Amino acid sequence: MAKVQTLTDLRALREPGKRMRSRLLDAAVELFKQRGAAAVAVAEIAAAAGAYPSQVTYYFRTKEALFVEAACREMLYVAAQAEAAASTAPTGGDYNRRLVETVVGSPGLALFVEALSLTRRRQDLAPLIERTFERLHAEGDRAYADVRRRRGWTGAEDPATTARRFWTLALGVALREGATEATVSEAVEDMLALLRLTPVRGDA
């Protein structure tokens, strides 16, 4: 058997695996959003991705590991959508509302909350959760700092603290929404009220 000689050859060998992994994640996240992790079987995920059940275990080992990775990826997508929606907000209040309305009630946030609960029982999956929080905080810090700089907004908290505070509040509101009969609109207003405790000075 001929040896792989170049980096290009190595990449060519890896590409099909990357595509299959991505297809499995795409299929899984849609099923998980519809029915939750417990109600979805590995065979269903494989069928939706045009794969075999053995490929799910090959790439992710367990359904739980696939779920956590899918939930983390979806949470990062939600964060990117929120940053894009808020980037053109004319005032600090509008900026907060666009962020909150995009995030609160989103299936991606609900999946991430479920993944956090699962990880309490599966500590081997905790590093992926930790890396996701690091990215959420870093990218939220970057986006908020950029908007503040462009708009000349000021605030009592530095951007890094604000980003961490935002996600802490979002997760708390999502937990309460899931455990009570609160509507999405009520959850949005609750979170906006909490954010107004340390408002962005950009409404004038």
N, C-alpha and C. Protein backbone atom coordinates (compact mmCIF):
# COMPACT_ATOMS: atom_id res chain seq x y z
N MET A 1 0.85 -1.20 0.00
CA MET A 1 0.00 0.00 0.00
C MET A 1 0.89 1.24 0.00
N ALA A 2 0.59 2.18 -0.92
CA ALA A 2 1.43 3.38 -1.05
C ALA A 2 1.24 4.29 0.14
N LYS A 3 2.31 4.93 0.55
CA LYS A 3 2.25 5.86 1.68
C LYS A 3 1.70 7.20 1.20
N VAL A 4 0.94 7.87 2.09
CA VAL A 4 0.47 9.21 1.78
C VAL A 4 1.67 10.14 1.80
N GLN A 5 1.86 10.90 0.75
CA GLN A 5 3.07 11.68 0.62
C GLN A 5 2.92 13.15 1.00
N THR A 6 1.74 13.71 0.82
CA THR A 6 1.61 15.16 0.99
C THR A 6 0.48 15.51 1.94
N LEU A 7 0.52 16.76 2.41
CA LEU A 7 -0.55 17.27 3.26
C LEU A 7 -1.87 17.29 2.50
N THR A 8 -1.81 17.57 1.21
CA THR A 8 -3.01 17.57 0.38
C THR A 8 -3.65 16.18 0.38
N ASP A 9 -2.82 15.14 0.28
CA ASP A 9 -3.34 13.78 0.31
C ASP A 9 -4.04 13.49 1.64
N LEU A 10 -3.43 13.93 2.74
CA LEU A 10 -4.02 13.71 4.06
C LEU A 10 -5.37 14.41 4.18
N ARG A 11 -5.42 15.64 3.67
CA ARG A 11 -6.68 16.37 3.72
C ARG A 11 -7.76 15.69 2.89
N ALA A 12 -7.36 15.17 1.75
CA ALA A 12 -8.33 14.47 0.88
C ALA A 12 -8.91 13.25 1.58
N LEU A 13 -8.09 12.57 2.38
CA LEU A 13 -8.57 11.42 3.12
C LEU A 13 -9.52 11.83 4.25
N ARG A 14 -9.27 12.98 4.84
CA ARG A 14 -10.08 13.41 5.98
C ARG A 14 -11.42 14.02 5.56
N GLU A 15 -11.49 14.61 4.38
CA GLU A 15 -12.68 15.35 3.97
C GLU A 15 -13.96 14.54 4.03
N PRO A 16 -14.01 13.31 3.50
CA PRO A 16 -15.26 12.53 3.59
C PRO A 16 -15.71 12.33 5.03
N GLY A 17 -14.76 12.12 5.94
CA GLY A 17 -15.10 11.96 7.35
C GLY A 17 -15.68 13.22 7.93
N LYS A 18 -15.12 14.38 7.58
CA LYS A 18 -15.65 15.65 8.06
C LYS A 18 -17.07 15.88 7.56
N ARG A 19 -17.29 15.54 6.28
CA ARG A 19 -18.62 15.74 5.71
C ARG A 19 -19.64 14.84 6.39
N MET A 20 -19.28 13.58 6.63
CA MET A 20 -20.21 12.67 7.30
C MET A 20 -20.49 13.14 8.72
N ARG A 21 -19.47 13.57 9.42
CA ARG A 21 -19.65 14.07 10.78
C ARG A 21 -20.63 15.25 10.80
N SER A 22 -20.44 16.16 9.83
CA SER A 22 -21.31 17.33 9.74
C SER A 22 -22.74 16.92 9.42
N ARG A 23 -22.91 15.95 8.52
CA ARG A 23 -24.25 15.47 8.18
C ARG A 23 -24.94 14.86 9.39
N LEU A 24 -24.20 14.10 10.18
CA LEU A 24 -24.78 13.49 11.38
C LEU A 24 -25.19 14.57 12.39
N LEU A 25 -24.35 15.58 12.57
CA LEU A 25 -24.70 16.67 13.47
C LEU A 25 -25.92 17.43 12.98
N ASP A 26 -25.99 17.70 11.68
CA ASP A 26 -27.14 18.42 11.12
C ASP A 26 -28.43 17.63 11.33
N ALA A 27 -28.38 16.34 11.04
CA ALA A 27 -29.57 15.50 11.20
C ALA A 27 -29.97 15.39 12.67
N ALA A 28 -28.97 15.20 13.52
CA ALA A 28 -29.25 15.01 14.94
C ALA A 28 -29.87 16.25 15.55
N VAL A 29 -29.35 17.42 15.24
CA VAL A 29 -29.84 18.62 15.90
C VAL A 29 -31.30 18.90 15.54
N GLU A 30 -31.68 18.60 14.31
CA GLU A 30 -33.08 18.80 13.93
C GLU A 30 -34.01 17.85 14.68
N LEU A 31 -33.60 16.60 14.81
CA LEU A 31 -34.39 15.64 15.57
C LEU A 31 -34.43 16.00 17.05
N PHE A 32 -33.30 16.40 17.60
CA PHE A 32 -33.24 16.77 19.01
C PHE A 32 -34.12 17.99 19.29
N LYS A 33 -34.12 18.96 18.39
CA LYS A 33 -34.94 20.16 18.59
C LYS A 33 -36.42 19.82 18.57
N GLN A 34 -36.79 18.85 17.73
CA GLN A 34 -38.20 18.47 17.63
C GLN A 34 -38.67 17.67 18.84
N ARG A 35 -37.80 16.74 19.34
CA ARG A 35 -38.30 15.77 20.32
C ARG A 35 -37.46 15.63 21.58
N GLY A 36 -36.30 16.26 21.65
CA GLY A 36 -35.44 16.10 22.82
C GLY A 36 -34.57 14.87 22.67
N ALA A 37 -33.49 14.84 23.46
CA ALA A 37 -32.50 13.78 23.31
C ALA A 37 -33.04 12.39 23.61
N ALA A 38 -33.83 12.27 24.68
CA ALA A 38 -34.28 10.95 25.13
C ALA A 38 -35.17 10.26 24.12
N ALA A 39 -35.92 11.03 23.33
CA ALA A 39 -36.90 10.44 22.42
C ALA A 39 -36.34 10.11 21.04
N VAL A 40 -35.07 10.37 20.81
CA VAL A 40 -34.47 10.14 19.50
C VAL A 40 -33.50 8.97 19.57
N ALA A 41 -33.64 8.02 18.66
CA ALA A 41 -32.77 6.84 18.63
C ALA A 41 -31.60 7.06 17.66
N VAL A 42 -30.51 6.37 17.93
CA VAL A 42 -29.33 6.45 17.06
C VAL A 42 -29.69 6.05 15.64
N ALA A 43 -30.53 5.03 15.49
CA ALA A 43 -30.91 4.57 14.14
C ALA A 43 -31.66 5.66 13.38
N GLU A 44 -32.46 6.47 14.07
CA GLU A 44 -33.18 7.56 13.41
C GLU A 44 -32.22 8.64 12.93
N ILE A 45 -31.25 8.95 13.76
CA ILE A 45 -30.25 9.95 13.37
C ILE A 45 -29.50 9.48 12.13
N ALA A 46 -29.07 8.23 12.16
CA ALA A 46 -28.32 7.67 11.03
C ALA A 46 -29.17 7.71 9.75
N ALA A 47 -30.43 7.30 9.87
CA ALA A 47 -31.31 7.28 8.69
C ALA A 47 -31.50 8.68 8.13
N ALA A 48 -31.68 9.67 9.00
CA ALA A 48 -31.88 11.05 8.54
C ALA A 48 -30.64 11.61 7.86
N ALA A 49 -29.46 11.10 8.25
CA ALA A 49 -28.20 11.58 7.66
C ALA A 49 -27.76 10.73 6.47
N GLY A 50 -28.52 9.67 6.15
CA GLY A 50 -28.10 8.77 5.08
C GLY A 50 -26.87 7.98 5.46
N ALA A 51 -26.82 7.57 6.74
CA ALA A 51 -25.66 6.86 7.27
C ALA A 51 -26.10 5.57 7.95
N TYR A 52 -25.13 4.84 8.49
CA TYR A 52 -25.40 3.64 9.27
C TYR A 52 -25.27 3.96 10.76
N PRO A 53 -26.02 3.27 11.61
CA PRO A 53 -25.88 3.50 13.06
C PRO A 53 -24.44 3.35 13.55
N SER A 54 -23.70 2.43 12.94
CA SER A 54 -22.31 2.24 13.36
C SER A 54 -21.46 3.48 13.10
N GLN A 55 -21.86 4.31 12.12
CA GLN A 55 -21.11 5.54 11.86
C GLN A 55 -21.33 6.58 12.96
N VAL A 56 -22.50 6.56 13.59
CA VAL A 56 -22.74 7.46 14.73
C VAL A 56 -21.78 7.12 15.85
N THR A 57 -21.67 5.83 16.16
CA THR A 57 -20.77 5.43 17.26
C THR A 57 -19.30 5.59 16.86
N TYR A 58 -19.00 5.45 15.59
CA TYR A 58 -17.62 5.62 15.15
C TYR A 58 -17.16 7.07 15.35
N TYR A 59 -18.01 8.03 14.97
CA TYR A 59 -17.61 9.43 15.04
C TYR A 59 -17.86 10.07 16.41
N PHE A 60 -18.84 9.56 17.16
CA PHE A 60 -19.21 10.23 18.41
C PHE A 60 -19.21 9.32 19.64
N ARG A 61 -19.01 8.04 19.46
CA ARG A 61 -18.98 7.04 20.54
C ARG A 61 -20.38 6.74 21.10
N THR A 62 -21.09 7.78 21.58
CA THR A 62 -22.40 7.57 22.19
C THR A 62 -23.37 8.63 21.69
N LYS A 63 -24.66 8.34 21.85
CA LYS A 63 -25.68 9.33 21.50
C LYS A 63 -25.53 10.56 22.39
N GLU A 64 -25.18 10.37 23.66
CA GLU A 64 -25.03 11.50 24.57
C GLU A 64 -23.92 12.45 24.12
N ALA A 65 -22.81 11.88 23.66
CA ALA A 65 -21.71 12.72 23.18
C ALA A 65 -22.13 13.48 21.92
N LEU A 66 -22.87 12.81 21.03
CA LEU A 66 -23.38 13.48 19.84
C LEU A 66 -24.34 14.60 20.23
N PHE A 67 -25.20 14.34 21.20
CA PHE A 67 -26.16 15.35 21.63
C PHE A 67 -25.45 16.59 22.17
N VAL A 68 -24.48 16.40 23.04
CA VAL A 68 -23.79 17.54 23.63
C VAL A 68 -23.06 18.35 22.56
N GLU A 69 -22.40 17.67 21.65
CA GLU A 69 -21.69 18.40 20.59
C GLU A 69 -22.67 19.15 19.69
N ALA A 70 -23.80 18.51 19.36
CA ALA A 70 -24.81 19.17 18.53
C ALA A 70 -25.39 20.38 19.24
N ALA A 71 -25.66 20.24 20.54
CA ALA A 71 -26.22 21.35 21.32
C ALA A 71 -25.24 22.50 21.42
N CYS A 72 -23.97 22.20 21.62
CA CYS A 72 -22.95 23.25 21.70
C CYS A 72 -22.81 23.98 20.37
N ARG A 73 -22.80 23.23 19.29
CA ARG A 73 -22.69 23.86 17.97
C ARG A 73 -23.90 24.74 17.70
N GLU A 74 -25.09 24.27 18.07
CA GLU A 74 -26.30 25.04 17.84
C GLU A 74 -26.31 26.31 18.69
N MET A 75 -25.79 26.23 19.92
CA MET A 75 -25.73 27.40 20.78
C MET A 75 -24.83 28.47 20.18
N LEU A 76 -23.73 28.06 19.57
CA LEU A 76 -22.83 29.02 18.93
C LEU A 76 -23.50 29.65 17.70
N TYR A 77 -24.32 28.87 16.98
CA TYR A 77 -25.08 29.43 15.85
C TYR A 77 -26.06 30.49 16.35
N VAL A 78 -26.76 30.18 17.44
CA VAL A 78 -27.72 31.13 18.00
C VAL A 78 -27.01 32.42 18.42
N ALA A 79 -25.85 32.29 19.05
CA ALA A 79 -25.09 33.47 19.47
C ALA A 79 -24.69 34.32 18.26
N ALA A 80 -24.26 33.68 17.19
CA ALA A 80 -23.87 34.42 15.98
C ALA A 80 -25.08 35.13 15.37
N GLN A 81 -26.24 34.47 15.37
CA GLN A 81 -27.47 35.09 14.85
C GLN A 81 -27.86 36.31 15.69
N ALA A 82 -27.70 36.18 17.02
CA ALA A 82 -28.05 37.28 17.91
C ALA A 82 -27.13 38.47 17.69
N GLU A 83 -25.82 38.20 17.53
CA GLU A 83 -24.87 39.29 17.30
C GLU A 83 -25.18 40.01 15.98
N ALA A 84 -25.54 39.24 14.95
CA ALA A 84 -25.87 39.84 13.66
C ALA A 84 -27.14 40.69 13.77
N ALA A 85 -28.14 40.19 14.49
CA ALA A 85 -29.40 40.92 14.63
C ALA A 85 -29.21 42.22 15.40
N ALA A 86 -28.31 42.21 16.40
CA ALA A 86 -28.13 43.37 17.27
C ALA A 86 -27.12 44.38 16.73
N SER A 87 -26.33 43.99 15.76
CA SER A 87 -25.20 44.83 15.35
C SER A 87 -25.61 46.18 14.79
N THR A 88 -26.82 46.29 14.23
CA THR A 88 -27.27 47.56 13.64
C THR A 88 -28.27 48.28 14.54
N ALA A 89 -28.43 47.84 15.78
CA ALA A 89 -29.38 48.49 16.69
C ALA A 89 -29.00 49.95 16.91
N PRO A 90 -29.98 50.86 16.84
CA PRO A 90 -29.65 52.29 16.98
C PRO A 90 -29.39 52.74 18.42
N THR A 91 -29.93 52.01 19.39
CA THR A 91 -29.76 52.40 20.80
C THR A 91 -29.36 51.19 21.63
N GLY A 92 -28.88 51.47 22.85
CA GLY A 92 -28.53 50.38 23.75
C GLY A 92 -29.72 49.51 24.09
N GLY A 93 -30.88 50.14 24.28
CA GLY A 93 -32.08 49.36 24.58
C GLY A 93 -32.47 48.44 23.44
N ASP A 94 -32.37 48.94 22.20
CA ASP A 94 -32.67 48.11 21.03
C ASP A 94 -31.66 46.97 20.90
N TYR A 95 -30.40 47.28 21.21
CA TYR A 95 -29.36 46.26 21.15
C TYR A 95 -29.71 45.10 22.08
N ASN A 96 -30.05 45.41 23.32
CA ASN A 96 -30.42 44.37 24.28
C ASN A 96 -31.64 43.58 23.80
N ARG A 97 -32.65 44.29 23.33
CA ARG A 97 -33.88 43.60 22.91
C ARG A 97 -33.62 42.64 21.75
N ARG A 98 -32.85 43.07 20.78
CA ARG A 98 -32.58 42.18 19.65
C ARG A 98 -31.81 40.94 20.08
N LEU A 99 -30.83 41.14 20.97
CA LEU A 99 -30.09 39.99 21.49
C LEU A 99 -31.03 39.02 22.19
N VAL A 100 -31.82 39.57 23.12
CA VAL A 100 -32.68 38.73 23.95
C VAL A 100 -33.74 38.03 23.12
N GLU A 101 -34.37 38.73 22.20
CA GLU A 101 -35.43 38.13 21.40
C GLU A 101 -34.89 37.02 20.49
N THR A 102 -33.65 37.13 20.08
CA THR A 102 -33.05 36.08 19.25
C THR A 102 -32.70 34.85 20.08
N VAL A 103 -32.24 35.07 21.30
CA VAL A 103 -31.71 33.97 22.12
C VAL A 103 -32.80 33.27 22.94
N VAL A 104 -33.57 34.07 23.68
CA VAL A 104 -34.55 33.48 24.60
C VAL A 104 -35.68 32.81 23.81
N GLY A 105 -35.98 31.59 24.18
CA GLY A 105 -37.01 30.84 23.47
C GLY A 105 -36.51 30.09 22.25
N SER A 106 -35.24 30.28 21.89
CA SER A 106 -34.71 29.56 20.72
C SER A 106 -34.50 28.08 21.06
N PRO A 107 -34.78 27.18 20.13
CA PRO A 107 -34.52 25.76 20.38
C PRO A 107 -33.07 25.48 20.73
N GLY A 108 -32.15 26.26 20.17
CA GLY A 108 -30.74 26.05 20.46
C GLY A 108 -30.40 26.29 21.91
N LEU A 109 -30.99 27.33 22.52
CA LEU A 109 -30.75 27.59 23.93
C LEU A 109 -31.33 26.47 24.79
N ALA A 110 -32.52 26.00 24.45
CA ALA A 110 -33.13 24.90 25.20
C ALA A 110 -32.28 23.63 25.12
N LEU A 111 -31.72 23.36 23.94
CA LEU A 111 -30.84 22.19 23.80
C LEU A 111 -29.60 22.33 24.66
N PHE A 112 -29.04 23.53 24.69
CA PHE A 112 -27.82 23.75 25.48
C PHE A 112 -28.09 23.56 26.97
N VAL A 113 -29.24 24.02 27.44
CA VAL A 113 -29.62 23.81 28.84
C VAL A 113 -29.71 22.32 29.13
N GLU A 114 -30.31 21.57 28.21
CA GLU A 114 -30.41 20.12 28.39
C GLU A 114 -29.03 19.47 28.39
N ALA A 115 -28.13 19.98 27.55
CA ALA A 115 -26.77 19.45 27.51
C ALA A 115 -26.03 19.72 28.82
N LEU A 116 -26.26 20.89 29.41
CA LEU A 116 -25.64 21.19 30.71
C LEU A 116 -26.10 20.19 31.77
N SER A 117 -27.38 19.88 31.77
CA SER A 117 -27.92 18.92 32.74
C SER A 117 -27.31 17.54 32.52
N LEU A 118 -27.21 17.13 31.27
CA LEU A 118 -26.64 15.82 30.95
C LEU A 118 -25.18 15.74 31.38
N THR A 119 -24.45 16.84 31.20
CA THR A 119 -23.02 16.83 31.50
C THR A 119 -22.75 16.67 33.00
N ARG A 120 -23.71 17.01 33.83
CA ARG A 120 -23.53 16.78 35.27
C ARG A 120 -23.36 15.29 35.55
N ARG A 121 -23.99 14.44 34.73
CA ARG A 121 -23.86 12.99 34.89
C ARG A 121 -22.74 12.41 34.04
N ARG A 122 -22.29 13.15 33.03
CA ARG A 122 -21.26 12.67 32.12
C ARG A 122 -20.11 13.67 32.10
N GLN A 123 -19.28 13.62 33.13
CA GLN A 123 -18.20 14.59 33.26
C GLN A 123 -17.17 14.47 32.14
N ASP A 124 -17.13 13.35 31.44
CA ASP A 124 -16.21 13.22 30.32
C ASP A 124 -16.58 14.18 29.18
N LEU A 125 -17.84 14.66 29.18
CA LEU A 125 -18.28 15.59 28.15
C LEU A 125 -18.11 17.05 28.55
N ALA A 126 -17.68 17.29 29.79
CA ALA A 126 -17.56 18.65 30.29
C ALA A 126 -16.60 19.54 29.49
N PRO A 127 -15.46 19.02 28.99
CA PRO A 127 -14.55 19.91 28.24
C PRO A 127 -15.21 20.60 27.04
N LEU A 128 -16.13 19.91 26.36
CA LEU A 128 -16.81 20.53 25.22
C LEU A 128 -17.70 21.69 25.69
N ILE A 129 -18.38 21.50 26.81
CA ILE A 129 -19.20 22.56 27.38
C ILE A 129 -18.32 23.75 27.77
N GLU A 130 -17.19 23.46 28.39
CA GLU A 130 -16.29 24.54 28.82
C GLU A 130 -15.77 25.33 27.63
N ARG A 131 -15.41 24.63 26.54
CA ARG A 131 -14.92 25.33 25.35
C ARG A 131 -16.03 26.18 24.73
N THR A 132 -17.25 25.70 24.79
CA THR A 132 -18.37 26.47 24.25
C THR A 132 -18.59 27.74 25.04
N PHE A 133 -18.55 27.65 26.36
CA PHE A 133 -18.66 28.86 27.19
C PHE A 133 -17.53 29.84 26.88
N GLU A 134 -16.33 29.33 26.71
CA GLU A 134 -15.21 30.21 26.39
C GLU A 134 -15.46 30.97 25.10
N ARG A 135 -15.99 30.27 24.08
CA ARG A 135 -16.27 30.93 22.81
C ARG A 135 -17.43 31.91 22.93
N LEU A 136 -18.48 31.52 23.65
CA LEU A 136 -19.62 32.43 23.84
C LEU A 136 -19.16 33.72 24.49
N HIS A 137 -18.35 33.59 25.55
CA HIS A 137 -17.89 34.77 26.26
C HIS A 137 -16.94 35.61 25.40
N ALA A 138 -15.99 34.95 24.75
CA ALA A 138 -15.01 35.69 23.95
C ALA A 138 -15.67 36.40 22.77
N GLU A 139 -16.57 35.71 22.07
CA GLU A 139 -17.20 36.32 20.91
C GLU A 139 -18.22 37.37 21.31
N GLY A 140 -18.91 37.14 22.44
CA GLY A 140 -19.82 38.16 22.94
C GLY A 140 -19.09 39.41 23.38
N ASP A 141 -17.96 39.23 24.04
CA ASP A 141 -17.10 40.33 24.46
C ASP A 141 -16.65 41.13 23.23
N ARG A 142 -16.16 40.41 22.22
CA ARG A 142 -15.66 41.08 21.00
C ARG A 142 -16.78 41.87 20.32
N ALA A 143 -17.95 41.23 20.15
CA ALA A 143 -19.05 41.89 19.43
C ALA A 143 -19.55 43.12 20.17
N TYR A 144 -19.72 42.99 21.48
CA TYR A 144 -20.23 44.10 22.27
C TYR A 144 -19.22 45.25 22.33
N ALA A 145 -17.95 44.91 22.50
CA ALA A 145 -16.92 45.95 22.53
C ALA A 145 -16.86 46.70 21.20
N ASP A 146 -17.03 45.99 20.10
CA ASP A 146 -17.01 46.62 18.78
C ASP A 146 -18.18 47.58 18.61
N VAL A 147 -19.37 47.14 19.03
CA VAL A 147 -20.55 48.01 18.91
C VAL A 147 -20.40 49.24 19.80
N ARG A 148 -19.93 49.04 21.03
CA ARG A 148 -19.73 50.19 21.93
C ARG A 148 -18.75 51.19 21.35
N ARG A 149 -17.68 50.67 20.78
CA ARG A 149 -16.67 51.56 20.21
C ARG A 149 -17.24 52.36 19.03
N ARG A 150 -17.98 51.68 18.16
CA ARG A 150 -18.52 52.35 16.97
C ARG A 150 -19.60 53.36 17.33
N ARG A 151 -20.40 53.06 18.36
CA ARG A 151 -21.51 53.94 18.72
C ARG A 151 -21.18 54.94 19.82
N GLY A 152 -20.03 54.79 20.45
CA GLY A 152 -19.68 55.69 21.54
C GLY A 152 -20.47 55.44 22.80
N TRP A 153 -20.97 54.22 22.97
CA TRP A 153 -21.74 53.89 24.16
C TRP A 153 -20.79 53.68 25.34
N THR A 154 -21.31 53.95 26.54
CA THR A 154 -20.57 53.67 27.77
C THR A 154 -21.43 52.83 28.69
N GLY A 155 -20.82 52.25 29.69
CA GLY A 155 -21.57 51.43 30.64
C GLY A 155 -20.77 51.18 31.89
N ALA A 156 -21.47 50.75 32.93
CA ALA A 156 -20.80 50.51 34.21
C ALA A 156 -19.92 49.28 34.17
N GLU A 157 -20.25 48.32 33.32
CA GLU A 157 -19.49 47.07 33.25
C GLU A 157 -18.62 47.05 32.00
N ASP A 158 -17.48 46.37 32.09
CA ASP A 158 -16.65 46.19 30.90
C ASP A 158 -17.29 45.14 30.01
N PRO A 159 -16.98 45.11 28.71
CA PRO A 159 -17.62 44.18 27.78
C PRO A 159 -17.50 42.71 28.18
N ALA A 160 -16.36 42.29 28.72
CA ALA A 160 -16.19 40.89 29.09
C ALA A 160 -17.16 40.49 30.19
N THR A 161 -17.32 41.36 31.18
CA THR A 161 -18.26 41.09 32.27
C THR A 161 -19.69 41.07 31.75
N THR A 162 -20.01 41.99 30.86
CA THR A 162 -21.35 42.06 30.29
C THR A 162 -21.69 40.79 29.51
N ALA A 163 -20.74 40.28 28.73
CA ALA A 163 -20.98 39.06 27.96
C ALA A 163 -21.27 37.88 28.87
N ARG A 164 -20.49 37.74 29.94
CA ARG A 164 -20.71 36.64 30.88
C ARG A 164 -22.05 36.79 31.60
N ARG A 165 -22.37 38.01 31.95
CA ARG A 165 -23.63 38.28 32.63
C ARG A 165 -24.81 37.94 31.72
N PHE A 166 -24.70 38.31 30.45
CA PHE A 166 -25.79 38.04 29.51
C PHE A 166 -26.09 36.55 29.44
N TRP A 167 -25.05 35.72 29.28
CA TRP A 167 -25.30 34.29 29.11
C TRP A 167 -25.74 33.64 30.42
N THR A 168 -25.28 34.14 31.55
CA THR A 168 -25.76 33.63 32.83
C THR A 168 -27.25 33.89 32.98
N LEU A 169 -27.67 35.11 32.64
CA LEU A 169 -29.09 35.45 32.72
C LEU A 169 -29.91 34.64 31.72
N ALA A 170 -29.42 34.49 30.50
CA ALA A 170 -30.16 33.75 29.47
C ALA A 170 -30.39 32.31 29.89
N LEU A 171 -29.38 31.67 30.45
CA LEU A 171 -29.53 30.28 30.89
C LEU A 171 -30.50 30.19 32.07
N GLY A 172 -30.42 31.14 32.99
CA GLY A 172 -31.33 31.13 34.12
C GLY A 172 -32.77 31.32 33.69
N VAL A 173 -33.01 32.26 32.77
CA VAL A 173 -34.35 32.50 32.27
C VAL A 173 -34.87 31.27 31.51
N ALA A 174 -33.99 30.63 30.73
CA ALA A 174 -34.40 29.43 29.99
C ALA A 174 -34.78 28.29 30.93
N LEU A 175 -34.02 28.13 32.00
CA LEU A 175 -34.34 27.10 33.00
C LEU A 175 -35.70 27.36 33.62
N ARG A 176 -35.96 28.61 33.99
CA ARG A 176 -37.24 28.93 34.62
C ARG A 176 -38.38 28.76 33.63
N GLU A 177 -38.16 29.19 32.38
CA GLU A 177 -39.19 29.05 31.36
C GLU A 177 -39.56 27.59 31.16
N GLY A 178 -38.52 26.71 31.15
CA GLY A 178 -38.77 25.30 30.94
C GLY A 178 -39.45 24.62 32.10
N ALA A 179 -39.27 25.18 33.30
CA ALA A 179 -39.84 24.56 34.50
C ALA A 179 -41.18 25.15 34.92
N THR A 180 -41.61 26.21 34.26
CA THR A 180 -42.86 26.87 34.61
C THR A 180 -43.72 27.02 33.36
N GLU A 181 -44.83 27.71 33.51
CA GLU A 181 -45.71 27.95 32.37
C GLU A 181 -45.46 29.32 31.74
N ALA A 182 -44.30 29.90 32.01
CA ALA A 182 -43.97 31.21 31.43
C ALA A 182 -43.90 31.12 29.92
N THR A 183 -44.42 32.12 29.24
CA THR A 183 -44.34 32.18 27.79
C THR A 183 -43.00 32.77 27.37
N VAL A 184 -42.68 32.62 26.09
CA VAL A 184 -41.43 33.18 25.58
C VAL A 184 -41.43 34.70 25.74
N SER A 185 -42.56 35.34 25.44
CA SER A 185 -42.61 36.80 25.55
C SER A 185 -42.42 37.25 26.99
N GLU A 186 -42.96 36.50 27.96
CA GLU A 186 -42.75 36.83 29.37
C GLU A 186 -41.28 36.66 29.74
N ALA A 187 -40.66 35.59 29.23
CA ALA A 187 -39.25 35.35 29.51
C ALA A 187 -38.38 36.45 28.92
N VAL A 188 -38.72 36.91 27.72
CA VAL A 188 -37.98 38.01 27.09
C VAL A 188 -38.06 39.26 27.96
N GLU A 189 -39.25 39.61 28.40
CA GLU A 189 -39.41 40.82 29.20
C GLU A 189 -38.70 40.69 30.56
N ASP A 190 -38.73 39.49 31.14
CA ASP A 190 -38.02 39.27 32.40
C ASP A 190 -36.53 39.51 32.23
N MET A 191 -35.98 38.98 31.15
CA MET A 191 -34.54 39.13 30.96
C MET A 191 -34.17 40.58 30.64
N LEU A 192 -35.01 41.25 29.86
CA LEU A 192 -34.74 42.66 29.57
C LEU A 192 -34.76 43.50 30.85
N ALA A 193 -35.68 43.17 31.75
CA ALA A 193 -35.74 43.90 33.02
C ALA A 193 -34.46 43.68 33.82
N LEU A 194 -33.95 42.47 33.81
CA LEU A 194 -32.70 42.18 34.53
C LEU A 194 -31.52 42.91 33.89
N LEU A 195 -31.48 42.95 32.57
CA LEU A 195 -30.39 43.65 31.89
C LEU A 195 -30.44 45.15 32.15
N ARG A 196 -31.64 45.70 32.34
CA ARG A 196 -31.76 47.14 32.57
C ARG A 196 -31.20 47.58 33.92
N LEU A 197 -30.91 46.61 34.79
CA LEU A 197 -30.31 46.96 36.08
C LEU A 197 -28.92 47.58 35.91
N THR A 198 -28.23 47.22 34.80
CA THR A 198 -26.95 47.85 34.47
C THR A 198 -27.01 48.22 32.98
N PRO A 199 -27.78 49.27 32.63
CA PRO A 199 -28.03 49.57 31.21
C PRO A 199 -26.80 50.08 30.48
N VAL A 200 -26.85 49.89 29.17
CA VAL A 200 -25.86 50.50 28.29
C VAL A 200 -26.23 51.97 28.12
N ARG A 201 -25.26 52.88 28.24
CA ARG A 201 -25.54 54.30 28.07
C ARG A 201 -25.46 54.65 26.59
N GLY A 202 -26.52 54.30 25.85
CA GLY A 202 -26.50 54.61 24.43
C GLY A 202 -27.87 54.97 23.91
N ASP A 203 -28.81 55.35 24.82
CA ASP A 203 -30.18 55.61 24.41
C ASP A 203 -30.45 57.06 24.05
N ALA A 204 -29.52 57.91 24.34
CA ALA A 204 -29.78 59.32 24.09
C ALA A 204 -29.77 59.61 22.60
